[in-house]
Amino acid sequence: MEISNAKVSVIIPVYNGANFILDAIECVLKQTHTNLEIIVIDDCSTDNTLTVLTNTNLPITLLNLPVNQGASAARNMGLKHAIGDYIAFLDADDLWSTYYIETMLKSLQTSSEHDFIYCLHNQIRMGAASEICHIKRPITQAIALSLLAVFKHPYMATSAMLFKRSMLEYVAEFDSNLKTAEDIDFVLRAAEYKSILKLNTALVEVRIRGGSLGQAVGSYKDNIDVIAQFLLRNPEFKVKEASAITELYEEIYYCWLRELLYIRSFKSFYQQSATAIRISPSFRILRLMVKSIPVLILAVFFKK
């Protein structure tokens, strides 16, 4: 199939995004690849997102969830309605380079044995000036990642993924029971069947909003649960790659404990510290536990 003839379904979940949803849609319409369908799923927004979308003249298919169910359920609804040969996700508060779809398609179509590609992304604060529109057409060759490589670095922005719709025949839709880490779960399940392509170019801007689910402390538990489920599905990997598993657990627990210490959640901090030491003992975590002692003393002192 010629790249220009490939139809791409762009799925955009949105919840209370009245102030930025049109920016996301506009960046899709500015793509150099134009054979697109844009599916926007409103996740029962409580602001005027639905009004903004209903009143726009932009060429979109608008779907509505009857009750708020989260981004995974919204994406799954979009997948059920998508008719494109390829699927791309764009979170409502993120932006693409003009060359995003064109570049991703070209890179993916260079190898018939791959179904999934992702690129790098930049993070900016919501409201900060965007630079993504100034990126020139990149000349970068994608590299294939092993399952181990994906496992070590499974954190891929959902807005930076593009895959063949046929991939859904062997990778199930998003797990709507997960409030966070659903993207990690999806990526790992895809990598279990075929290697994933990585494009070492940032073509996506992920805009960070205060209070987003991805920054919630509870997201670390979801990360741990997703990794545990992956290891249950892949017992041979668990035996063969024990060192990599320990390193990933250490990184997740270290970030989790650091966040708990920052918000002064001491009970949870010491509970998870005990688990971390049992699962993945490390000097970093031990140092963090030692560091917590004066912080705890000061917190108790000032509370009095």
C-alpha atoms as a PDB file:
ATOM      1  CA  MET A   1       0.000   0.000   0.000  1.00  0.00           C
ATOM      2  CA  GLU A   2       1.304   3.463  -0.916  1.00  0.00           C
ATOM      3  CA  ILE A   3       1.870   5.689   2.111  1.00  0.00           C
ATOM      4  CA  SER A   4      -0.320   8.423   0.657  1.00  0.00           C
ATOM      5  CA  ASN A   5      -3.219   5.957   0.345  1.00  0.00           C
ATOM      6  CA  ALA A   6      -2.958   4.656   3.914  1.00  0.00           C
ATOM      7  CA  LYS A   7      -5.895   5.778   6.018  1.00  0.00           C
ATOM      8  CA  VAL A   8      -5.039   6.681   9.604  1.00  0.00           C
ATOM      9  CA  SER A   9      -7.648   6.798  12.346  1.00  0.00           C
ATOM     10  CA  VAL A  10      -6.717   9.396  14.964  1.00  0.00           C
ATOM     11  CA  ILE A  11      -8.389   8.712  18.295  1.00  0.00           C
ATOM     12  CA  ILE A  12      -8.608  11.629  20.731  1.00  0.00           C
ATOM     13  CA  PRO A  13     -10.093  11.008  24.198  1.00  0.00           C
ATOM     14  CA  VAL A  14     -11.059  14.166  26.056  1.00  0.00           C
ATOM     15  CA  TYR A  15     -12.313  15.004  29.523  1.00  0.00           C
ATOM     16  CA  ASN A  16     -12.876  18.634  30.540  1.00  0.00           C
ATOM     17  CA  GLY A  17     -10.698  19.851  27.707  1.00  0.00           C
ATOM     18  CA  ALA A  18     -12.697  22.805  26.432  1.00  0.00           C
ATOM     19  CA  ASN A  19      -9.641  25.082  26.618  1.00  0.00           C
ATOM     20  CA  PHE A  20      -7.343  22.939  24.501  1.00  0.00           C
ATOM     21  CA  ILE A  21      -9.235  20.270  22.522  1.00  0.00           C
ATOM     22  CA  LEU A  22      -9.447  22.420  19.385  1.00  0.00           C
ATOM     23  CA  ASP A  23      -5.651  22.895  19.434  1.00  0.00           C
ATOM     24  CA  ALA A  24      -5.243  19.110  19.325  1.00  0.00           C
ATOM     25  CA  ILE A  25      -7.699  18.736  16.443  1.00  0.00           C
ATOM     26  CA  GLU A  26      -6.051  21.586  14.516  1.00  0.00           C
ATOM     27  CA  CYS A  27      -2.624  19.975  14.796  1.00  0.00           C
ATOM     28  CA  VAL A  28      -4.086  16.813  13.240  1.00  0.00           C
ATOM     29  CA  LEU A  29      -5.623  18.788  10.391  1.00  0.00           C
ATOM     30  CA  LYS A  30      -2.215  20.392   9.692  1.00  0.00           C
ATOM     31  CA  GLN A  31      -0.558  17.009   9.112  1.00  0.00           C
ATOM     32  CA  THR A  32       1.304  16.567   5.822  1.00  0.00           C
ATOM     33  CA  HIS A  33      -0.414  13.169   5.575  1.00  0.00           C
ATOM     34  CA  THR A  34      -4.038  13.992   4.874  1.00  0.00           C
ATOM     35  CA  ASN A  35      -5.867  10.659   4.563  1.00  0.00           C
ATOM     36  CA  LEU A  36      -7.244  10.775   8.088  1.00  0.00           C
ATOM     37  CA  GLU A  37     -10.330  10.217  10.144  1.00  0.00           C
ATOM     38  CA  ILE A  38     -10.513  12.044  13.475  1.00  0.00           C
ATOM     39  CA  ILE A  39     -12.522  10.369  16.223  1.00  0.00           C
ATOM     40  CA  VAL A  40     -13.051  12.412  19.389  1.00  0.00           C
ATOM     41  CA  ILE A  41     -14.533  10.672  22.421  1.00  0.00           C
ATOM     42  CA  ASP A  42     -15.930  12.882  25.168  1.00  0.00           C
ATOM     43  CA  ASP A  43     -15.602  11.082  28.507  1.00  0.00           C
ATOM     44  CA  CYS A  44     -18.672  12.734  30.054  1.00  0.00           C
ATOM     45  CA  SER A  45     -16.997  16.121  30.558  1.00  0.00           C
ATOM     46  CA  THR A  46     -18.456  18.448  33.173  1.00  0.00           C
ATOM     47  CA  ASP A  47     -17.218  21.661  31.550  1.00  0.00           C
ATOM     48  CA  ASN A  48     -18.327  22.949  28.127  1.00  0.00           C
ATOM     49  CA  THR A  49     -16.152  20.548  26.118  1.00  0.00           C
ATOM     50  CA  LEU A  50     -19.192  18.938  24.502  1.00  0.00           C
ATOM     51  CA  THR A  51     -20.564  22.339  23.486  1.00  0.00           C
ATOM     52  CA  VAL A  52     -17.238  23.317  21.934  1.00  0.00           C
ATOM     53  CA  LEU A  53     -17.095  20.076  19.967  1.00  0.00           C
ATOM     54  CA  THR A  54     -20.736  20.145  18.909  1.00  0.00           C
ATOM     55  CA  ASN A  55     -20.479  23.696  17.597  1.00  0.00           C
ATOM     56  CA  THR A  56     -17.247  23.251  15.672  1.00  0.00           C
ATOM     57  CA  ASN A  57     -17.240  22.900  11.906  1.00  0.00           C
ATOM     58  CA  LEU A  58     -14.075  20.800  11.987  1.00  0.00           C
ATOM     59  CA  PRO A  59     -14.318  17.366  10.293  1.00  0.00           C
ATOM     60  CA  ILE A  60     -14.536  15.028  13.260  1.00  0.00           C
ATOM     61  CA  THR A  61     -16.581  12.051  14.385  1.00  0.00           C
ATOM     62  CA  LEU A  62     -17.822  12.822  17.889  1.00  0.00           C
ATOM     63  CA  LEU A  63     -18.634   9.978  20.277  1.00  0.00           C
ATOM     64  CA  ASN A  64     -19.831  10.179  23.873  1.00  0.00           C
ATOM     65  CA  LEU A  65     -19.380   7.903  26.864  1.00  0.00           C
ATOM     66  CA  PRO A  66     -22.575   7.843  28.971  1.00  0.00           C
ATOM     67  CA  VAL A  67     -20.616   8.062  32.242  1.00  0.00           C
ATOM     68  CA  ASN A  68     -17.045   9.039  33.036  1.00  0.00           C
ATOM     69  CA  GLN A  69     -14.908   5.903  32.615  1.00  0.00           C
ATOM     70  CA  GLY A  70     -11.384   7.167  31.959  1.00  0.00           C
ATOM     71  CA  ALA A  71      -9.081   7.452  28.959  1.00  0.00           C
ATOM     72  CA  SER A  72      -8.798   3.685  28.415  1.00  0.00           C
ATOM     73  CA  ALA A  73     -12.530   3.222  27.936  1.00  0.00           C
ATOM     74  CA  ALA A  74     -12.620   6.270  25.663  1.00  0.00           C
ATOM     75  CA  ARG A  75      -9.774   4.931  23.504  1.00  0.00           C
ATOM     76  CA  ASN A  76     -11.462   1.521  23.345  1.00  0.00           C
ATOM     77  CA  MET A  77     -14.658   3.134  22.083  1.00  0.00           C
ATOM     78  CA  GLY A  78     -12.607   4.897  19.431  1.00  0.00           C
ATOM     79  CA  LEU A  79     -10.955   1.623  18.407  1.00  0.00           C
ATOM     80  CA  LYS A  80     -14.348  -0.001  17.892  1.00  0.00           C
ATOM     81  CA  HIS A  81     -15.350   2.751  15.453  1.00  0.00           C
ATOM     82  CA  ALA A  82     -12.008   3.198  13.668  1.00  0.00           C
ATOM     83  CA  ILE A  83     -11.827   2.127  10.020  1.00  0.00           C
ATOM     84  CA  GLY A  84      -8.278   3.235   9.194  1.00  0.00           C
ATOM     85  CA  ASP A  85      -5.441   0.940   8.187  1.00  0.00           C
ATOM     86  CA  TYR A  86      -3.406   2.507  11.006  1.00  0.00           C
ATOM     87  CA  ILE A  87      -4.265   3.838  14.447  1.00  0.00           C
ATOM     88  CA  ALA A  88      -2.775   6.839  16.210  1.00  0.00           C
ATOM     89  CA  PHE A  89      -3.726   8.210  19.627  1.00  0.00           C
ATOM     90  CA  LEU A  90      -3.547  11.858  20.595  1.00  0.00           C
ATOM     91  CA  ASP A  91      -4.395  12.975  24.110  1.00  0.00           C
ATOM     92  CA  ALA A  92      -6.502  16.126  24.053  1.00  0.00           C
ATOM     93  CA  ASP A  93      -3.828  18.236  25.758  1.00  0.00           C
ATOM     94  CA  ASP A  94      -0.928  17.067  23.542  1.00  0.00           C
ATOM     95  CA  LEU A  95       0.359  18.292  20.187  1.00  0.00           C
ATOM     96  CA  TRP A  96       2.012  16.733  17.119  1.00  0.00           C
ATOM     97  CA  SER A  97       4.620  18.012  14.714  1.00  0.00           C
ATOM     98  CA  THR A  98       3.181  18.665  11.256  1.00  0.00           C
ATOM     99  CA  TYR A  99       5.267  15.757   9.955  1.00  0.00           C
ATOM    100  CA  TYR A 100       4.304  13.308  12.701  1.00  0.00           C
ATOM    101  CA  ILE A 101       2.035  10.891  10.824  1.00  0.00           C
ATOM    102  CA  GLU A 102       3.985  11.092   7.563  1.00  0.00           C
ATOM    103  CA  THR A 103       7.272  10.291   9.331  1.00  0.00           C
ATOM    104  CA  MET A 104       5.845   7.522  11.492  1.00  0.00           C
ATOM    105  CA  LEU A 105       4.140   5.840   8.526  1.00  0.00           C
ATOM    106  CA  LYS A 106       7.278   5.947   6.380  1.00  0.00           C
ATOM    107  CA  SER A 107       9.349   4.471   9.180  1.00  0.00           C
ATOM    108  CA  LEU A 108       6.831   1.720   9.933  1.00  0.00           C
ATOM    109  CA  GLN A 109       6.335   0.780   6.286  1.00  0.00           C
ATOM    110  CA  THR A 110      10.050   0.212   5.767  1.00  0.00           C
ATOM    111  CA  SER A 111       9.626  -3.088   7.620  1.00  0.00           C
ATOM    112  CA  SER A 112       6.743  -5.439   6.900  1.00  0.00           C
ATOM    113  CA  GLU A 113       7.520  -7.497  10.018  1.00  0.00           C
ATOM    114  CA  HIS A 114       6.676  -4.678  12.442  1.00  0.00           C
ATOM    115  CA  ASP A 115       3.224  -3.448  13.439  1.00  0.00           C
ATOM    116  CA  PHE A 116       3.989  -0.780  16.056  1.00  0.00           C
ATOM    117  CA  ILE A 117       6.180   2.323  16.189  1.00  0.00           C
ATOM    118  CA  TYR A 118       6.675   5.117  18.664  1.00  0.00           C
ATOM    119  CA  CYS A 119       8.788   8.256  18.779  1.00  0.00           C
ATOM    120  CA  LEU A 120      10.289  10.429  21.489  1.00  0.00           C
ATOM    121  CA  HIS A 121       8.375  13.302  23.069  1.00  0.00           C
ATOM    122  CA  ASN A 122       9.069  16.546  24.895  1.00  0.00           C
ATOM    123  CA  GLN A 123       7.247  17.652  28.024  1.00  0.00           C
ATOM    124  CA  ILE A 124       6.137  21.230  28.550  1.00  0.00           C
ATOM    125  CA  ARG A 125       3.905  22.906  31.080  1.00  0.00           C
ATOM    126  CA  MET A 126       0.380  23.703  29.972  1.00  0.00           C
ATOM    127  CA  GLY A 127       0.383  27.335  28.851  1.00  0.00           C
ATOM    128  CA  ALA A 128       4.059  27.379  27.875  1.00  0.00           C
ATOM    129  CA  ALA A 129       4.966  28.383  24.324  1.00  0.00           C
ATOM    130  CA  SER A 130       4.875  25.434  21.939  1.00  0.00           C
ATOM    131  CA  GLU A 131       7.900  24.669  19.753  1.00  0.00           C
ATOM    132  CA  ILE A 132       6.557  21.560  18.054  1.00  0.00           C
ATOM    133  CA  CYS A 133       5.301  23.414  14.978  1.00  0.00           C
ATOM    134  CA  HIS A 134       8.840  24.619  14.184  1.00  0.00           C
ATOM    135  CA  ILE A 135      10.344  21.118  13.895  1.00  0.00           C
ATOM    136  CA  LYS A 136      11.712  20.391  10.428  1.00  0.00           C
ATOM    137  CA  ARG A 137      10.962  17.202   8.511  1.00  0.00           C
ATOM    138  CA  PRO A 138      13.188  14.651  10.278  1.00  0.00           C
ATOM    139  CA  ILE A 139      15.517  12.181   8.587  1.00  0.00           C
ATOM    140  CA  THR A 140      15.806   9.395  11.116  1.00  0.00           C
ATOM    141  CA  GLN A 141      15.847   5.633  10.796  1.00  0.00           C
ATOM    142  CA  ALA A 142      13.787   3.646  13.270  1.00  0.00           C
ATOM    143  CA  ILE A 143      15.405   0.897  15.299  1.00  0.00           C
ATOM    144  CA  ALA A 144      13.827  -2.396  16.403  1.00  0.00           C
ATOM    145  CA  LEU A 145      13.595  -3.011  20.145  1.00  0.00           C
ATOM    146  CA  SER A 146      13.747  -6.405  21.790  1.00  0.00           C
ATOM    147  CA  LEU A 147      11.247  -7.389  24.465  1.00  0.00           C
ATOM    148  CA  LEU A 148      13.959  -6.825  27.060  1.00  0.00           C
ATOM    149  CA  ALA A 149      14.640  -3.301  25.768  1.00  0.00           C
ATOM    150  CA  VAL A 150      10.936  -2.443  25.929  1.00  0.00           C
ATOM    151  CA  PHE A 151      10.643  -3.945  29.407  1.00  0.00           C
ATOM    152  CA  LYS A 152      13.523  -1.798  30.674  1.00  0.00           C
ATOM    153  CA  HIS A 153      11.985   1.379  29.252  1.00  0.00           C
ATOM    154  CA  PRO A 154       8.236   0.846  28.810  1.00  0.00           C
ATOM    155  CA  TYR A 155       7.295   4.494  29.326  1.00  0.00           C
ATOM    156  CA  MET A 156       6.077   5.624  25.913  1.00  0.00           C
ATOM    157  CA  ALA A 157       3.687   8.528  25.556  1.00  0.00           C
ATOM    158  CA  THR A 158       0.358   7.305  24.199  1.00  0.00           C
ATOM    159  CA  SER A 159       0.328  10.309  21.873  1.00  0.00           C
ATOM    160  CA  ALA A 160       3.611   9.083  20.369  1.00  0.00           C
ATOM    161  CA  MET A 161       2.315   5.652  19.243  1.00  0.00           C
ATOM    162  CA  LEU A 162       1.169   4.539  15.806  1.00  0.00           C
ATOM    163  CA  PHE A 163       0.321   0.969  14.840  1.00  0.00           C
ATOM    164  CA  LYS A 164      -1.429  -1.170  12.245  1.00  0.00           C
ATOM    165  CA  ARG A 165      -5.068  -1.763  13.080  1.00  0.00           C
ATOM    166  CA  SER A 166      -4.466  -5.453  12.350  1.00  0.00           C
ATOM    167  CA  MET A 167      -2.306  -5.543  15.501  1.00  0.00           C
ATOM    168  CA  LEU A 168      -5.510  -5.577  17.528  1.00  0.00           C
ATOM    169  CA  GLU A 169      -6.005  -9.170  16.417  1.00  0.00           C
ATOM    170  CA  TYR A 170      -3.244 -10.249  18.814  1.00  0.00           C
ATOM    171  CA  VAL A 171      -3.149  -7.346  21.274  1.00  0.00           C
ATOM    172  CA  ALA A 172      -6.341  -6.723  23.174  1.00  0.00           C
ATOM    173  CA  GLU A 173      -7.686  -3.236  23.722  1.00  0.00           C
ATOM    174  CA  PHE A 174      -6.686  -1.100  26.698  1.00  0.00           C
ATOM    175  CA  ASP A 175      -7.385  -2.418  30.179  1.00  0.00           C
ATOM    176  CA  SER A 176     -10.121  -0.055  31.377  1.00  0.00           C
ATOM    177  CA  ASN A 177      -9.707  -1.327  34.947  1.00  0.00           C
ATOM    178  CA  LEU A 178      -6.394   0.544  35.120  1.00  0.00           C
ATOM    179  CA  LYS A 179      -6.671   4.241  35.922  1.00  0.00           C
ATOM    180  CA  THR A 180      -2.974   4.735  35.151  1.00  0.00           C
ATOM    181  CA  ALA A 181      -0.188   2.625  33.574  1.00  0.00           C
ATOM    182  CA  GLU A 182      -2.658   1.373  30.956  1.00  0.00           C
ATOM    183  CA  ASP A 183      -0.209   2.573  28.296  1.00  0.00           C
ATOM    184  CA  ILE A 184       2.618   0.478  29.811  1.00  0.00           C
ATOM    185  CA  ASP A 185       0.338  -2.552  29.897  1.00  0.00           C
ATOM    186  CA  PHE A 186      -0.633  -2.018  26.240  1.00  0.00           C
ATOM    187  CA  VAL A 187       2.984  -1.577  25.125  1.00  0.00           C
ATOM    188  CA  LEU A 188       4.229  -4.667  26.952  1.00  0.00           C
ATOM    189  CA  ARG A 189       1.455  -6.829  25.523  1.00  0.00           C
ATOM    190  CA  ALA A 190       2.333  -5.602  22.019  1.00  0.00           C
ATOM    191  CA  ALA A 191       6.058  -6.249  22.541  1.00  0.00           C
ATOM    192  CA  GLU A 192       5.365  -9.822  23.681  1.00  0.00           C
ATOM    193  CA  TYR A 193       4.313 -10.726  20.119  1.00  0.00           C
ATOM    194  CA  LYS A 194       6.483  -8.561  17.863  1.00  0.00           C
ATOM    195  CA  SER A 195       9.393  -6.213  18.331  1.00  0.00           C
ATOM    196  CA  ILE A 196       8.511  -2.517  18.464  1.00  0.00           C
ATOM    197  CA  LEU A 197      10.132   0.193  16.361  1.00  0.00           C
ATOM    198  CA  LYS A 198      11.557   3.298  18.005  1.00  0.00           C
ATOM    199  CA  LEU A 199      12.129   6.599  16.226  1.00  0.00           C
ATOM    200  CA  ASN A 200      14.780   8.634  18.035  1.00  0.00           C
ATOM    201  CA  THR A 201      13.168  11.952  17.190  1.00  0.00           C
ATOM    202  CA  ALA A 202      10.794  14.024  19.318  1.00  0.00           C
ATOM    203  CA  LEU A 203       7.706  14.716  17.216  1.00  0.00           C
ATOM    204  CA  VAL A 204       5.228  15.073  20.082  1.00  0.00           C
ATOM    205  CA  GLU A 205       4.684  17.612  22.843  1.00  0.00           C
ATOM    206  CA  VAL A 206       3.104  16.280  26.006  1.00  0.00           C
ATOM    207  CA  ARG A 207       1.636  19.178  27.951  1.00  0.00           C
ATOM    208  CA  ILE A 208       1.650  18.637  31.698  1.00  0.00           C
ATOM    209  CA  ARG A 209      -1.294  19.799  33.765  1.00  0.00           C
ATOM    210  CA  GLY A 210      -1.367  19.938  37.549  1.00  0.00           C
ATOM    211  CA  GLY A 211      -3.269  17.055  39.109  1.00  0.00           C
ATOM    212  CA  SER A 212      -3.175  14.817  36.028  1.00  0.00           C
ATOM    213  CA  LEU A 213      -3.520  11.091  36.663  1.00  0.00           C
ATOM    214  CA  GLY A 214      -0.061  10.383  35.324  1.00  0.00           C
ATOM    215  CA  GLN A 215       1.385  12.384  38.226  1.00  0.00           C
ATOM    216  CA  ALA A 216      -0.742  10.741  40.908  1.00  0.00           C
ATOM    217  CA  VAL A 217       1.003   8.791  43.661  1.00  0.00           C
ATOM    218  CA  GLY A 218      -1.337   5.892  43.013  1.00  0.00           C
ATOM    219  CA  SER A 219       0.105   5.474  39.516  1.00  0.00           C
ATOM    220  CA  TYR A 220       3.165   3.731  40.969  1.00  0.00           C
ATOM    221  CA  LYS A 221       1.026   0.892  42.314  1.00  0.00           C
ATOM    222  CA  ASP A 222      -0.517   0.450  38.891  1.00  0.00           C
ATOM    223  CA  ASN A 223       3.000   0.294  37.448  1.00  0.00           C
ATOM    224  CA  ILE A 224       3.926  -2.471  39.875  1.00  0.00           C
ATOM    225  CA  ASP A 225       0.713  -4.387  39.143  1.00  0.00           C
ATOM    226  CA  VAL A 226       1.253  -4.171  35.374  1.00  0.00           C
ATOM    227  CA  ILE A 227       4.816  -5.456  35.687  1.00  0.00           C
ATOM    228  CA  ALA A 228       3.618  -8.311  37.918  1.00  0.00           C
ATOM    229  CA  GLN A 229       0.988  -9.340  35.352  1.00  0.00           C
ATOM    230  CA  PHE A 230       3.572  -9.242  32.575  1.00  0.00           C
ATOM    231  CA  LEU A 231       5.843 -11.585  34.548  1.00  0.00           C
ATOM    232  CA  LEU A 232       2.957 -13.994  35.155  1.00  0.00           C
ATOM    233  CA  ARG A 233       2.402 -14.170  31.407  1.00  0.00           C
ATOM    234  CA  ASN A 234       6.112 -14.637  30.731  1.00  0.00           C
ATOM    235  CA  PRO A 235       7.624 -17.044  33.291  1.00  0.00           C
ATOM    236  CA  GLU A 236      10.681 -17.729  31.130  1.00  0.00           C
ATOM    237  CA  PHE A 237      11.449 -14.020  30.931  1.00  0.00           C
ATOM    238  CA  LYS A 238      11.160 -13.828  34.725  1.00  0.00           C
ATOM    239  CA  VAL A 239      13.867 -16.454  35.130  1.00  0.00           C
ATOM    240  CA  LYS A 240      16.139 -15.246  32.348  1.00  0.00           C
ATOM    241  CA  GLU A 241      16.029 -11.500  33.022  1.00  0.00           C
ATOM    242  CA  ALA A 242      16.015 -11.416  36.829  1.00  0.00           C
ATOM    243  CA  SER A 243      18.573  -8.589  36.945  1.00  0.00           C
ATOM    244  CA  ALA A 244      16.548  -6.318  34.645  1.00  0.00           C
ATOM    245  CA  ILE A 245      13.400  -7.018  36.676  1.00  0.00           C
ATOM    246  CA  THR A 246      15.147  -6.039  39.902  1.00  0.00           C
ATOM    247  CA  GLU A 247      16.427  -2.820  38.321  1.00  0.00           C
ATOM    248  CA  LEU A 248      12.984  -1.816  37.062  1.00  0.00           C
ATOM    249  CA  TYR A 249      11.335  -2.533  40.409  1.00  0.00           C
ATOM    250  CA  GLU A 250      14.042  -0.503  42.121  1.00  0.00           C
ATOM    251  CA  GLU A 251      13.431   2.481  39.842  1.00  0.00           C
ATOM    252  CA  ILE A 252       9.657   2.388  40.335  1.00  0.00           C
ATOM    253  CA  TYR A 253       9.887   2.016  44.104  1.00  0.00           C
ATOM    254  CA  TYR A 254      12.552   4.709  44.391  1.00  0.00           C
ATOM    255  CA  CYS A 255      10.386   7.244  42.519  1.00  0.00           C
ATOM    256  CA  TRP A 256       7.324   6.162  44.511  1.00  0.00           C
ATOM    257  CA  LEU A 257       9.079   6.499  47.872  1.00  0.00           C
ATOM    258  CA  ARG A 258      10.561   9.845  46.947  1.00  0.00           C
ATOM    259  CA  GLU A 259       7.094  11.130  46.082  1.00  0.00           C
ATOM    260  CA  LEU A 260       5.602   9.762  49.323  1.00  0.00           C
ATOM    261  CA  LEU A 261       8.367  11.413  51.330  1.00  0.00           C
ATOM    262  CA  TYR A 262       7.830  14.701  49.515  1.00  0.00           C
ATOM    263  CA  ILE A 263       4.120  14.777  50.407  1.00  0.00           C
ATOM    264  CA  ARG A 264       4.912  13.605  53.974  1.00  0.00           C
ATOM    265  CA  SER A 265       2.880  10.410  53.680  1.00  0.00           C
ATOM    266  CA  PHE A 266       5.046   8.632  56.250  1.00  0.00           C
ATOM    267  CA  LYS A 267       2.859   5.606  56.902  1.00  0.00           C
ATOM    268  CA  SER A 268       2.695   4.692  53.229  1.00  0.00           C
ATOM    269  CA  PHE A 269       6.370   5.549  52.856  1.00  0.00           C
ATOM    270  CA  TYR A 270       7.486   3.005  55.447  1.00  0.00           C
ATOM    271  CA  GLN A 271       5.012   0.372  54.266  1.00  0.00           C
ATOM    272  CA  GLN A 272       6.296   0.595  50.689  1.00  0.00           C
ATOM    273  CA  SER A 273       9.905   0.857  51.883  1.00  0.00           C
ATOM    274  CA  ALA A 274       9.569  -2.533  53.559  1.00  0.00           C
ATOM    275  CA  THR A 275       8.169  -4.025  50.357  1.00  0.00           C
ATOM    276  CA  ALA A 276      10.858  -2.383  48.237  1.00  0.00           C
ATOM    277  CA  ILE A 277      13.666  -3.719  50.411  1.00  0.00           C
ATOM    278  CA  ARG A 278      12.183  -7.210  50.187  1.00  0.00           C
ATOM    279  CA  ILE A 279      11.664  -7.156  46.429  1.00  0.00           C
ATOM    280  CA  SER A 280      14.534  -4.985  45.264  1.00  0.00           C
ATOM    281  CA  PRO A 281      17.086  -4.103  47.971  1.00  0.00           C
ATOM    282  CA  SER A 282      19.333  -1.188  46.979  1.00  0.00           C
ATOM    283  CA  PHE A 283      21.523   1.484  48.522  1.00  0.00           C
ATOM    284  CA  ARG A 284      19.375   4.198  46.911  1.00  0.00           C
ATOM    285  CA  ILE A 285      16.291   3.053  48.769  1.00  0.00           C
ATOM    286  CA  LEU A 286      18.227   2.570  52.005  1.00  0.00           C
ATOM    287  CA  ARG A 287      19.609   6.111  51.710  1.00  0.00           C
ATOM    288  CA  LEU A 288      16.091   7.405  51.158  1.00  0.00           C
ATOM    289  CA  MET A 289      14.926   5.627  54.317  1.00  0.00           C
ATOM    290  CA  VAL A 290      17.774   7.186  56.307  1.00  0.00           C
ATOM    291  CA  LYS A 291      16.942  10.586  54.833  1.00  0.00           C
ATOM    292  CA  SER A 292      13.324  10.176  55.975  1.00  0.00           C
ATOM    293  CA  ILE A 293      14.254  10.060  59.682  1.00  0.00           C
ATOM    294  CA  PRO A 294      15.060  13.781  60.172  1.00  0.00           C
ATOM    295  CA  VAL A 295      12.121  14.676  57.929  1.00  0.00           C
ATOM    296  CA  LEU A 296       9.816  12.609  60.155  1.00  0.00           C
ATOM    297  CA  ILE A 297      11.269  14.164  63.333  1.00  0.00           C
ATOM    298  CA  LEU A 298      10.773  17.689  61.997  1.00  0.00           C
ATOM    299  CA  ALA A 299       7.234  16.881  60.887  1.00  0.00           C
ATOM    300  CA  VAL A 300       6.348  15.553  64.351  1.00  0.00           C
ATOM    301  CA  PHE A 301       8.029  18.511  66.067  1.00  0.00           C
ATOM    302  CA  PHE A 302       6.214  21.184  64.034  1.00  0.00           C
ATOM    303  CA  LYS A 303       2.934  19.318  64.337  1.00  0.00           C
ATOM    304  CA  LYS A 304       3.187  19.776  68.085  1.00  0.00           C
END
